[in-house]
Amino acid sequence: MKNVPDSPLGLMYAEHINLILKKDIKGLLNQYTEDAVLISSFLKKPIYYRGHQQLEEHFQGILGIQGLETEIAFWAETEDPTTLMIVEAITMTTDEGEAKMRFADSWVLRDGKIAIHFAGMTQYPDGSVA
């Protein structure tokens, strides 16, 4: 992980990435509220995951990741309400080989947990741009 600030949300983000690397789905779910909504653009159309059961299904995709490197290109956070907006360069290895992407993630937290997660992909593994 590169360019992650030493702040409460920076620590939470680092834990998030480490949980992905450890393939710890239960740990990831613990970072989310029970009624959390994750909106994903990974398939080039919005897909909505609501609550822990649907989030768990979505997180099954991390099981295929063999390596993950992140470099923060943009970081912004607020305290009241607690929000995070990041743009990150991602390199990961899957069964299909190495993939390089750009993500634009935003979190809205409630009581220290992610209530809304916009999981945006701005550059797909094939090189196309959203």
N, C-alpha and C. Protein backbone atom coordinates (compact mmCIF):
# COMPACT_ATOMS: atom_id res chain seq x y z
N MET A 1 0.84 -1.18 0.00
CA MET A 1 0.00 0.00 0.00
C MET A 1 0.89 1.24 0.00
N LYS A 2 0.58 2.14 -0.89
CA LYS A 2 1.35 3.37 -0.98
C LYS A 2 0.43 4.57 -0.79
N ASN A 3 0.94 5.58 -0.12
CA ASN A 3 0.29 6.88 0.04
C ASN A 3 -0.97 6.84 0.90
N VAL A 4 -1.04 5.92 1.85
CA VAL A 4 -2.19 5.87 2.77
C VAL A 4 -1.86 6.76 3.97
N PRO A 5 -2.70 7.76 4.25
CA PRO A 5 -2.39 8.66 5.36
C PRO A 5 -2.53 7.99 6.72
N ASP A 6 -1.85 8.55 7.69
CA ASP A 6 -1.92 8.07 9.07
C ASP A 6 -3.08 8.79 9.76
N SER A 7 -4.27 8.34 9.50
CA SER A 7 -5.49 8.91 10.07
C SER A 7 -6.40 7.75 10.43
N PRO A 8 -7.46 7.99 11.20
CA PRO A 8 -8.37 6.88 11.52
C PRO A 8 -8.91 6.17 10.27
N LEU A 9 -9.29 6.93 9.24
CA LEU A 9 -9.78 6.29 8.01
C LEU A 9 -8.64 5.64 7.23
N GLY A 10 -7.44 6.20 7.33
CA GLY A 10 -6.28 5.55 6.70
C GLY A 10 -6.03 4.20 7.32
N LEU A 11 -6.13 4.12 8.65
CA LEU A 11 -5.95 2.84 9.34
C LEU A 11 -7.06 1.86 8.96
N MET A 12 -8.29 2.36 8.84
CA MET A 12 -9.41 1.49 8.46
C MET A 12 -9.22 0.97 7.03
N TYR A 13 -8.78 1.84 6.13
CA TYR A 13 -8.52 1.43 4.75
C TYR A 13 -7.43 0.36 4.71
N ALA A 14 -6.34 0.59 5.45
CA ALA A 14 -5.24 -0.40 5.48
C ALA A 14 -5.75 -1.74 6.01
N GLU A 15 -6.59 -1.70 7.04
CA GLU A 15 -7.17 -2.94 7.55
C GLU A 15 -8.05 -3.60 6.48
N HIS A 16 -8.81 -2.80 5.75
CA HIS A 16 -9.68 -3.30 4.68
C HIS A 16 -8.86 -4.07 3.64
N ILE A 17 -7.76 -3.47 3.19
CA ILE A 17 -6.91 -4.12 2.20
C ILE A 17 -6.27 -5.38 2.78
N ASN A 18 -5.81 -5.31 4.02
CA ASN A 18 -5.22 -6.50 4.65
C ASN A 18 -6.24 -7.63 4.80
N LEU A 19 -7.49 -7.30 5.10
CA LEU A 19 -8.54 -8.32 5.18
C LEU A 19 -8.77 -8.97 3.81
N ILE A 20 -8.70 -8.16 2.76
CA ILE A 20 -8.83 -8.71 1.41
C ILE A 20 -7.67 -9.67 1.13
N LEU A 21 -6.45 -9.25 1.47
CA LEU A 21 -5.28 -10.09 1.25
C LEU A 21 -5.36 -11.41 2.02
N LYS A 22 -5.94 -11.35 3.23
CA LYS A 22 -6.09 -12.55 4.05
C LYS A 22 -7.33 -13.36 3.66
N LYS A 23 -8.12 -12.81 2.71
CA LYS A 23 -9.37 -13.45 2.27
C LYS A 23 -10.33 -13.65 3.46
N ASP A 24 -10.33 -12.67 4.36
CA ASP A 24 -11.12 -12.71 5.59
C ASP A 24 -12.46 -12.02 5.35
N ILE A 25 -13.40 -12.75 4.79
CA ILE A 25 -14.71 -12.18 4.44
C ILE A 25 -15.45 -11.75 5.70
N LYS A 26 -15.40 -12.54 6.76
CA LYS A 26 -16.08 -12.16 8.00
C LYS A 26 -15.50 -10.86 8.57
N GLY A 27 -14.19 -10.71 8.50
CA GLY A 27 -13.57 -9.47 8.95
C GLY A 27 -14.02 -8.28 8.12
N LEU A 28 -14.11 -8.47 6.80
CA LEU A 28 -14.61 -7.40 5.93
C LEU A 28 -16.04 -7.04 6.30
N LEU A 29 -16.88 -8.04 6.47
CA LEU A 29 -18.28 -7.77 6.81
C LEU A 29 -18.39 -7.00 8.11
N ASN A 30 -17.47 -7.24 9.03
CA ASN A 30 -17.50 -6.53 10.31
C ASN A 30 -17.21 -5.04 10.14
N GLN A 31 -16.65 -4.64 9.02
CA GLN A 31 -16.40 -3.22 8.76
C GLN A 31 -17.66 -2.51 8.25
N TYR A 32 -18.71 -3.27 7.94
CA TYR A 32 -19.93 -2.72 7.35
C TYR A 32 -21.10 -2.80 8.34
N THR A 33 -22.01 -1.82 8.25
CA THR A 33 -23.24 -1.90 9.02
C THR A 33 -24.08 -3.07 8.51
N GLU A 34 -24.99 -3.55 9.33
CA GLU A 34 -25.86 -4.67 8.92
C GLU A 34 -26.69 -4.32 7.68
N ASP A 35 -27.07 -3.04 7.53
CA ASP A 35 -27.91 -2.63 6.41
C ASP A 35 -27.12 -1.91 5.32
N ALA A 36 -25.82 -2.14 5.26
CA ALA A 36 -24.94 -1.46 4.31
C ALA A 36 -25.38 -1.69 2.87
N VAL A 37 -25.06 -0.70 2.04
CA VAL A 37 -25.29 -0.79 0.59
C VAL A 37 -23.96 -0.59 -0.09
N LEU A 38 -23.59 -1.52 -0.97
CA LEU A 38 -22.41 -1.39 -1.80
C LEU A 38 -22.89 -1.30 -3.24
N ILE A 39 -22.49 -0.24 -3.92
CA ILE A 39 -22.86 -0.04 -5.32
C ILE A 39 -21.59 -0.24 -6.14
N SER A 40 -21.59 -1.26 -7.00
CA SER A 40 -20.41 -1.63 -7.76
C SER A 40 -20.59 -1.28 -9.24
N SER A 41 -19.51 -0.78 -9.84
CA SER A 41 -19.53 -0.55 -11.29
C SER A 41 -18.57 -1.50 -12.01
N PHE A 42 -18.16 -2.57 -11.33
CA PHE A 42 -17.16 -3.48 -11.89
C PHE A 42 -17.60 -4.12 -13.20
N LEU A 43 -18.90 -4.30 -13.39
CA LEU A 43 -19.39 -4.92 -14.62
C LEU A 43 -19.94 -3.89 -15.60
N LYS A 44 -19.51 -2.63 -15.43
CA LYS A 44 -19.86 -1.52 -16.32
C LYS A 44 -21.34 -1.15 -16.25
N LYS A 45 -22.04 -1.61 -15.24
CA LYS A 45 -23.41 -1.18 -14.96
C LYS A 45 -23.57 -1.27 -13.45
N PRO A 46 -24.44 -0.45 -12.87
CA PRO A 46 -24.55 -0.49 -11.41
C PRO A 46 -25.15 -1.81 -10.91
N ILE A 47 -24.47 -2.37 -9.91
CA ILE A 47 -24.98 -3.56 -9.23
C ILE A 47 -25.04 -3.20 -7.75
N TYR A 48 -26.17 -3.47 -7.12
CA TYR A 48 -26.42 -3.09 -5.74
C TYR A 48 -26.37 -4.32 -4.85
N TYR A 49 -25.58 -4.23 -3.80
CA TYR A 49 -25.50 -5.29 -2.78
C TYR A 49 -25.99 -4.69 -1.48
N ARG A 50 -27.02 -5.29 -0.89
CA ARG A 50 -27.63 -4.75 0.32
C ARG A 50 -27.55 -5.76 1.45
N GLY A 51 -27.02 -5.31 2.57
CA GLY A 51 -26.94 -6.15 3.75
C GLY A 51 -25.80 -7.15 3.68
N HIS A 52 -25.52 -7.75 4.83
CA HIS A 52 -24.37 -8.65 4.94
C HIS A 52 -24.46 -9.87 4.04
N GLN A 53 -25.65 -10.43 3.83
CA GLN A 53 -25.76 -11.64 3.00
C GLN A 53 -25.33 -11.34 1.57
N GLN A 54 -25.82 -10.25 0.99
CA GLN A 54 -25.44 -9.92 -0.38
C GLN A 54 -23.98 -9.46 -0.46
N LEU A 55 -23.53 -8.73 0.57
CA LEU A 55 -22.12 -8.33 0.59
C LEU A 55 -21.21 -9.55 0.63
N GLU A 56 -21.59 -10.54 1.40
CA GLU A 56 -20.79 -11.76 1.48
C GLU A 56 -20.69 -12.43 0.11
N GLU A 57 -21.78 -12.45 -0.63
CA GLU A 57 -21.75 -13.01 -1.99
C GLU A 57 -20.79 -12.21 -2.87
N HIS A 58 -20.85 -10.90 -2.76
CA HIS A 58 -19.96 -10.04 -3.55
C HIS A 58 -18.50 -10.29 -3.18
N PHE A 59 -18.21 -10.42 -1.89
CA PHE A 59 -16.84 -10.59 -1.43
C PHE A 59 -16.26 -11.96 -1.78
N GLN A 60 -17.05 -12.89 -2.24
CA GLN A 60 -16.51 -14.18 -2.66
C GLN A 60 -15.50 -13.99 -3.80
N GLY A 61 -15.63 -12.87 -4.52
CA GLY A 61 -14.69 -12.58 -5.61
C GLY A 61 -13.26 -12.40 -5.15
N ILE A 62 -13.05 -12.05 -3.87
CA ILE A 62 -11.67 -11.86 -3.39
C ILE A 62 -10.94 -13.17 -3.25
N LEU A 63 -11.67 -14.28 -3.24
CA LEU A 63 -11.01 -15.57 -3.07
C LEU A 63 -10.10 -15.90 -4.24
N GLY A 64 -10.35 -15.30 -5.41
CA GLY A 64 -9.52 -15.54 -6.58
C GLY A 64 -8.31 -14.63 -6.68
N ILE A 65 -8.19 -13.67 -5.78
CA ILE A 65 -7.06 -12.74 -5.82
C ILE A 65 -5.85 -13.38 -5.16
N GLN A 66 -4.73 -13.39 -5.88
CA GLN A 66 -3.50 -13.98 -5.35
C GLN A 66 -2.52 -12.91 -4.90
N GLY A 67 -2.71 -11.71 -5.29
CA GLY A 67 -1.85 -10.60 -4.89
C GLY A 67 -2.60 -9.31 -5.12
N LEU A 68 -2.31 -8.32 -4.33
CA LEU A 68 -2.99 -7.03 -4.47
C LEU A 68 -2.05 -5.93 -4.03
N GLU A 69 -1.86 -4.97 -4.90
CA GLU A 69 -1.07 -3.78 -4.57
C GLU A 69 -1.93 -2.57 -4.85
N THR A 70 -1.92 -1.61 -3.92
CA THR A 70 -2.68 -0.39 -4.11
C THR A 70 -1.77 0.81 -3.96
N GLU A 71 -2.04 1.82 -4.77
CA GLU A 71 -1.35 3.09 -4.65
C GLU A 71 -2.40 4.19 -4.73
N ILE A 72 -2.50 4.96 -3.66
CA ILE A 72 -3.50 6.03 -3.60
C ILE A 72 -3.04 7.20 -4.46
N ALA A 73 -3.89 7.60 -5.40
CA ALA A 73 -3.61 8.76 -6.24
C ALA A 73 -4.34 10.00 -5.72
N PHE A 74 -5.46 9.78 -5.02
CA PHE A 74 -6.26 10.88 -4.47
C PHE A 74 -6.90 10.40 -3.18
N TRP A 75 -6.87 11.23 -2.15
CA TRP A 75 -7.45 10.88 -0.85
C TRP A 75 -8.13 12.11 -0.29
N ALA A 76 -9.40 11.97 0.12
CA ALA A 76 -10.12 13.04 0.81
C ALA A 76 -11.03 12.40 1.85
N GLU A 77 -11.10 13.01 3.02
CA GLU A 77 -11.97 12.49 4.07
C GLU A 77 -12.58 13.65 4.86
N THR A 78 -13.74 13.38 5.44
CA THR A 78 -14.40 14.35 6.30
C THR A 78 -14.74 13.67 7.61
N GLU A 79 -14.95 14.50 8.65
CA GLU A 79 -15.23 13.96 9.97
C GLU A 79 -16.71 13.97 10.34
N ASP A 80 -17.49 14.94 9.89
CA ASP A 80 -18.89 15.03 10.31
C ASP A 80 -19.75 15.46 9.14
N PRO A 81 -20.27 14.52 8.36
CA PRO A 81 -20.28 13.07 8.55
C PRO A 81 -18.93 12.46 8.17
N THR A 82 -18.69 11.24 8.62
CA THR A 82 -17.45 10.55 8.30
C THR A 82 -17.55 9.96 6.90
N THR A 83 -16.70 10.47 6.00
CA THR A 83 -16.71 10.01 4.62
C THR A 83 -15.27 9.86 4.13
N LEU A 84 -15.13 9.06 3.11
CA LEU A 84 -13.83 8.85 2.48
C LEU A 84 -14.04 8.79 0.98
N MET A 85 -13.16 9.46 0.24
CA MET A 85 -13.17 9.38 -1.22
C MET A 85 -11.74 9.14 -1.65
N ILE A 86 -11.52 8.09 -2.42
CA ILE A 86 -10.17 7.78 -2.89
C ILE A 86 -10.19 7.38 -4.36
N VAL A 87 -9.07 7.61 -5.01
CA VAL A 87 -8.79 7.05 -6.33
C VAL A 87 -7.51 6.26 -6.14
N GLU A 88 -7.52 5.02 -6.59
CA GLU A 88 -6.36 4.16 -6.36
C GLU A 88 -6.00 3.38 -7.61
N ALA A 89 -4.69 3.22 -7.80
CA ALA A 89 -4.18 2.34 -8.86
C ALA A 89 -4.03 0.97 -8.23
N ILE A 90 -4.61 -0.03 -8.88
CA ILE A 90 -4.65 -1.39 -8.35
C ILE A 90 -3.92 -2.32 -9.32
N THR A 91 -3.09 -3.17 -8.75
CA THR A 91 -2.51 -4.28 -9.51
C THR A 91 -2.82 -5.54 -8.72
N MET A 92 -3.38 -6.53 -9.39
CA MET A 92 -3.68 -7.79 -8.72
C MET A 92 -3.43 -8.95 -9.66
N THR A 93 -3.25 -10.11 -9.08
CA THR A 93 -3.08 -11.33 -9.85
C THR A 93 -4.27 -12.23 -9.57
N THR A 94 -4.87 -12.73 -10.63
CA THR A 94 -5.98 -13.67 -10.52
C THR A 94 -5.63 -14.90 -11.35
N ASP A 95 -6.56 -15.84 -11.44
CA ASP A 95 -6.34 -17.03 -12.25
C ASP A 95 -6.10 -16.69 -13.72
N GLU A 96 -6.60 -15.52 -14.16
CA GLU A 96 -6.42 -15.10 -15.55
C GLU A 96 -5.10 -14.36 -15.77
N GLY A 97 -4.36 -14.05 -14.70
CA GLY A 97 -3.09 -13.35 -14.82
C GLY A 97 -3.13 -12.00 -14.11
N GLU A 98 -2.15 -11.14 -14.44
CA GLU A 98 -2.06 -9.83 -13.79
C GLU A 98 -3.08 -8.88 -14.39
N ALA A 99 -3.71 -8.09 -13.52
CA ALA A 99 -4.68 -7.09 -13.96
C ALA A 99 -4.31 -5.75 -13.33
N LYS A 100 -4.36 -4.69 -14.14
CA LYS A 100 -4.12 -3.34 -13.65
C LYS A 100 -5.40 -2.55 -13.87
N MET A 101 -5.83 -1.88 -12.80
CA MET A 101 -7.08 -1.13 -12.86
C MET A 101 -6.95 0.16 -12.07
N ARG A 102 -7.94 1.01 -12.21
CA ARG A 102 -8.07 2.20 -11.36
C ARG A 102 -9.45 2.15 -10.74
N PHE A 103 -9.49 2.34 -9.43
CA PHE A 103 -10.74 2.36 -8.69
C PHE A 103 -10.98 3.78 -8.17
N ALA A 104 -12.24 4.12 -8.00
CA ALA A 104 -12.66 5.34 -7.33
C ALA A 104 -13.67 4.89 -6.28
N ASP A 105 -13.20 4.75 -5.06
CA ASP A 105 -14.04 4.26 -3.97
C ASP A 105 -14.46 5.42 -3.07
N SER A 106 -15.68 5.37 -2.59
CA SER A 106 -16.16 6.32 -1.59
C SER A 106 -16.92 5.56 -0.52
N TRP A 107 -16.68 5.93 0.72
CA TRP A 107 -17.37 5.34 1.86
C TRP A 107 -18.11 6.43 2.62
N VAL A 108 -19.29 6.08 3.10
CA VAL A 108 -20.02 6.90 4.07
C VAL A 108 -20.17 6.02 5.30
N LEU A 109 -19.65 6.50 6.44
CA LEU A 109 -19.67 5.69 7.65
C LEU A 109 -20.77 6.14 8.60
N ARG A 110 -21.25 5.17 9.36
CA ARG A 110 -22.20 5.43 10.44
C ARG A 110 -21.74 4.62 11.65
N ASP A 111 -21.54 5.29 12.75
CA ASP A 111 -21.08 4.63 13.97
C ASP A 111 -19.81 3.82 13.74
N GLY A 112 -18.89 4.36 12.94
CA GLY A 112 -17.59 3.73 12.73
C GLY A 112 -17.57 2.59 11.73
N LYS A 113 -18.71 2.34 11.07
CA LYS A 113 -18.77 1.26 10.08
C LYS A 113 -19.25 1.82 8.74
N ILE A 114 -18.90 1.12 7.67
CA ILE A 114 -19.29 1.57 6.32
C ILE A 114 -20.78 1.30 6.12
N ALA A 115 -21.53 2.37 5.86
CA ALA A 115 -22.97 2.24 5.61
C ALA A 115 -23.25 2.26 4.11
N ILE A 116 -22.48 3.06 3.38
CA ILE A 116 -22.61 3.15 1.92
C ILE A 116 -21.21 3.08 1.33
N HIS A 117 -21.05 2.21 0.34
CA HIS A 117 -19.76 2.05 -0.33
C HIS A 117 -19.99 2.13 -1.83
N PHE A 118 -19.48 3.19 -2.44
CA PHE A 118 -19.50 3.31 -3.90
C PHE A 118 -18.19 2.69 -4.38
N ALA A 119 -18.26 1.53 -5.00
CA ALA A 119 -17.08 0.81 -5.47
C ALA A 119 -16.98 1.02 -6.98
N GLY A 120 -16.32 2.10 -7.34
CA GLY A 120 -16.27 2.47 -8.75
C GLY A 120 -14.98 2.04 -9.41
N MET A 121 -15.10 1.54 -10.61
CA MET A 121 -13.92 1.21 -11.41
C MET A 121 -13.86 2.25 -12.53
N THR A 122 -12.74 2.95 -12.63
CA THR A 122 -12.63 3.97 -13.68
C THR A 122 -11.78 3.50 -14.85
N GLN A 123 -10.95 2.48 -14.62
CA GLN A 123 -10.20 1.83 -15.71
C GLN A 123 -10.28 0.33 -15.47
N TYR A 124 -10.81 -0.36 -16.45
CA TYR A 124 -11.04 -1.79 -16.36
C TYR A 124 -9.78 -2.57 -16.72
N PRO A 125 -9.72 -3.86 -16.36
CA PRO A 125 -8.53 -4.66 -16.65
C PRO A 125 -8.15 -4.70 -18.13
N ASP A 126 -9.14 -4.54 -19.02
CA ASP A 126 -8.84 -4.55 -20.47
C ASP A 126 -8.28 -3.22 -20.96
N GLY A 127 -8.13 -2.24 -20.03
CA GLY A 127 -7.58 -0.94 -20.39
C GLY A 127 -8.63 0.09 -20.74
N SER A 128 -9.87 -0.34 -20.95
CA SER A 128 -10.92 0.62 -21.27
C SER A 128 -11.22 1.50 -20.07
N VAL A 129 -11.67 2.70 -20.35
CA VAL A 129 -11.94 3.70 -19.32
C VAL A 129 -13.44 3.87 -19.19
N ALA A 130 -13.90 3.99 -17.97
CA ALA A 130 -15.32 4.18 -17.73
C ALA A 130 -15.75 5.56 -18.17
